[in-house]
Amino acid sequence: MADGQPNVTDVVSRVLDAADDARDLRQYIRLTGTPVQRARAIRVELDALDKVMNTLGISNTDMGETVEQTTALVRAILAHVITDESAAALIDRIAAIPGLEDLARAFKQQRHAR
């Protein structure tokens, strides 16, 4: 960092930004583009995601373990949300995190369904 060269954090951040931009492009083209443009946008996003996975050293095994752990965590939180009256604040906190709005909504539905 002291010599002005990009460090690992900078590179990873830029790769993730590129993947996000590729996703945004694909979503935009899905609504406005031709089938050929959609295919190209999908390819661009897949290439960006492949770069992310290679840069971060993510393997299929890593992904499987992450999914298993995430599923277990969500189940534990759901059990807490359903059984503990004080969990409403936790749901609100989850809802405030970008990208977790749907999860919070599902928790609220489960809570009210009991």
Protein backbone atom coordinates (compact mmCIF):
# COMPACT_ATOMS: atom_id res chain seq x y z
CA MET A 1 0.00 0.00 0.00
CA ALA A 2 2.82 2.36 0.83
CA ASP A 3 4.27 2.16 -2.69
CA GLY A 4 0.92 2.90 -4.32
CA GLN A 5 0.51 -0.55 -5.84
CA PRO A 6 -2.86 -2.29 -5.65
CA ASN A 7 -3.15 -4.66 -2.73
CA VAL A 8 -5.23 -7.82 -2.42
CA THR A 9 -8.13 -5.97 -0.84
CA ASP A 10 -8.24 -3.47 -3.70
CA VAL A 11 -8.14 -6.21 -6.32
CA VAL A 12 -10.85 -8.28 -4.64
CA SER A 13 -13.01 -5.19 -4.22
CA ARG A 14 -12.64 -4.32 -7.90
CA VAL A 15 -13.42 -7.88 -9.01
CA LEU A 16 -16.56 -7.89 -6.85
CA ASP A 17 -17.59 -4.50 -8.25
CA ALA A 18 -17.14 -5.85 -11.78
CA ALA A 19 -19.32 -8.85 -10.93
CA ASP A 20 -21.99 -6.55 -9.51
CA ASP A 21 -21.88 -4.41 -12.66
CA ALA A 22 -22.17 -7.54 -14.82
CA ARG A 23 -25.26 -8.59 -12.82
CA ASP A 24 -26.79 -5.14 -13.25
CA LEU A 25 -26.10 -5.27 -16.99
CA ARG A 26 -27.70 -8.72 -17.29
CA GLN A 27 -30.80 -7.56 -15.42
CA TYR A 28 -31.11 -4.45 -17.59
CA ILE A 29 -30.61 -6.39 -20.83
CA ARG A 30 -33.15 -9.00 -19.69
CA LEU A 31 -35.78 -6.25 -19.73
CA THR A 32 -34.66 -4.29 -22.78
CA GLY A 33 -32.39 -6.41 -24.95
CA THR A 34 -32.58 -8.92 -27.73
CA PRO A 35 -31.96 -12.64 -27.16
CA VAL A 36 -28.41 -12.24 -28.49
CA GLN A 37 -27.73 -9.34 -26.11
CA ARG A 38 -29.13 -11.41 -23.24
CA ALA A 39 -26.85 -14.31 -24.10
CA ARG A 40 -23.85 -11.99 -24.19
CA ALA A 41 -24.81 -10.38 -20.87
CA ILE A 42 -25.14 -13.82 -19.28
CA ARG A 43 -21.69 -14.76 -20.59
CA VAL A 44 -20.19 -11.53 -19.23
CA GLU A 45 -21.70 -12.20 -15.80
CA LEU A 46 -20.56 -15.83 -15.77
CA ASP A 47 -17.04 -14.74 -16.69
CA ALA A 48 -17.07 -12.16 -13.90
CA LEU A 49 -18.35 -14.71 -11.37
CA ASP A 50 -15.71 -17.19 -12.50
CA LYS A 51 -13.07 -14.51 -11.91
CA VAL A 52 -14.51 -13.87 -8.43
CA MET A 53 -14.42 -17.55 -7.60
CA ASN A 54 -10.85 -17.92 -8.86
CA THR A 55 -9.65 -14.74 -7.16
CA LEU A 56 -11.18 -15.72 -3.84
CA GLY A 57 -10.25 -19.38 -4.18
CA ILE A 58 -13.83 -20.58 -3.91
CA SER A 59 -14.43 -24.20 -4.90
CA ASN A 60 -17.62 -26.20 -5.26
CA THR A 61 -16.79 -27.86 -1.95
CA ASP A 62 -16.49 -24.46 -0.27
CA MET A 63 -19.83 -23.41 -1.71
CA GLY A 64 -21.52 -26.58 -0.49
CA GLU A 65 -20.17 -26.10 3.02
CA THR A 66 -21.21 -22.45 3.01
CA VAL A 67 -24.74 -23.35 1.89
CA GLU A 68 -25.02 -26.01 4.61
CA GLN A 69 -23.81 -23.62 7.29
CA THR A 70 -26.06 -20.82 6.05
CA THR A 71 -29.07 -23.13 6.00
CA ALA A 72 -28.38 -24.24 9.57
CA LEU A 73 -27.99 -20.62 10.67
CA VAL A 74 -31.26 -19.57 9.02
CA ARG A 75 -33.08 -22.49 10.68
CA ALA A 76 -31.69 -21.50 14.09
CA ILE A 77 -32.74 -17.88 13.60
CA LEU A 78 -36.18 -18.99 12.41
CA ALA A 79 -36.64 -21.14 15.53
CA HIS A 80 -35.69 -18.14 17.66
CA VAL A 81 -37.97 -15.78 15.75
CA ILE A 82 -40.95 -18.11 16.10
CA THR A 83 -40.51 -18.89 19.79
CA ASP A 84 -39.18 -15.68 21.32
CA GLU A 85 -41.46 -12.65 21.61
CA SER A 86 -38.48 -10.30 21.78
CA ALA A 87 -37.31 -11.38 18.31
CA ALA A 88 -39.22 -8.63 16.49
CA ALA A 89 -36.21 -6.33 16.87
CA LEU A 90 -34.00 -8.98 15.28
CA ILE A 91 -36.33 -9.20 12.28
CA ASP A 92 -36.25 -5.41 11.92
CA ARG A 93 -32.44 -5.44 12.05
CA ILE A 94 -32.29 -8.16 9.37
CA ALA A 95 -34.75 -6.19 7.20
CA ALA A 96 -32.44 -3.16 7.35
CA ILE A 97 -29.57 -5.09 5.73
CA PRO A 98 -29.54 -4.68 1.95
CA GLY A 99 -30.27 -8.00 0.28
CA LEU A 100 -31.93 -9.59 3.33
CA GLU A 101 -35.33 -7.93 2.99
CA ASP A 102 -36.93 -11.12 1.60
CA LEU A 103 -35.51 -13.18 4.46
CA ALA A 104 -36.93 -10.73 7.02
CA ARG A 105 -40.30 -10.83 5.26
CA ALA A 106 -40.28 -14.65 5.38
CA PHE A 107 -39.43 -14.55 9.09
CA LYS A 108 -42.33 -12.17 9.73
CA GLN A 109 -44.72 -14.46 7.84
CA GLN A 110 -43.57 -17.47 9.83
CA ARG A 111 -43.88 -15.54 13.07
CA HIS A 112 -47.44 -14.44 12.31
CA ALA A 113 -48.43 -17.90 11.06
CA ARG A 114 -47.78 -19.58 14.40
